[in-house]
Structure formats: C-alpha cells, structure tokens
C-alpha cells in the first residue's frame, strides 16, 4: 500500500499520479491527483482536434479546445464526419442510433471488437 494513500468513506484511495506525465491530456498532477487544467496553447488544440481551425479558448476555466467555423464542412473529421457548425463553433451533434454510436466509437472495426456495448442515449441527465 502506498504511504500516501488516504481513507475516504471506508475505502483506501491510492494516489493517481506522481508527475503530470501520469495524467491524461489537459490534466496536471496536483497533490498526487490528476486535476483538469485544460489546454494551454492553440497548437495543443490543433493536434487534439486534428484540424487547422482549432484554438484554445482560455476565456473559460478550464480552457478548452474549440474549432471556429462558418459552415458544417469545416467541422467534419475522419473520426467524426457528423460534427456540425452551430453558433460559429464545431459541435458534436451526438448520435441517433446505437449502430451510429458503435461506428463513431470504432467498436465495429474488424478484429478489434471487444464485445463492449455502444448505446445511444439522451445527453440530458
């Protein structure tokens, strides 16, 4: 057991990280926990969004990658051709069917399907 583990509601919680490299993209290691920090540069957003129109919006906290647009064609990517331009920003319109969701998640790729289920659900809680 890690000496930095803590007890929370009767369970031992191991530290998530030692350095920022242990955390996912746009997160940093703070007090041994990965904390969302958001993007720092437009260049990070270009890579993350896989598009030259991407920018890092630092006016929100945490900063987030956005793709500015004037029409839908600027938003479509190879991994998500359904993205649409809404209020001058590219957005993911979500899914309409379970099959569409499986395709977007890559669950139907031959030889890589793990048996995981992909289900299209309403985004509202």
Foldseek 3Di string as FASTA:
>chain_A
DDPLWDADPNDTHDQQDDFQVSDDPQWTQDSSHTDHQEDDFQVVLCVVQVAPQWTWAVVDVSIYIWGFDDFQVRRADPLRRQWTQDPRTTDRPFDDFQVVQCVSVVCPPPPPNPVDGGGGDDPDD
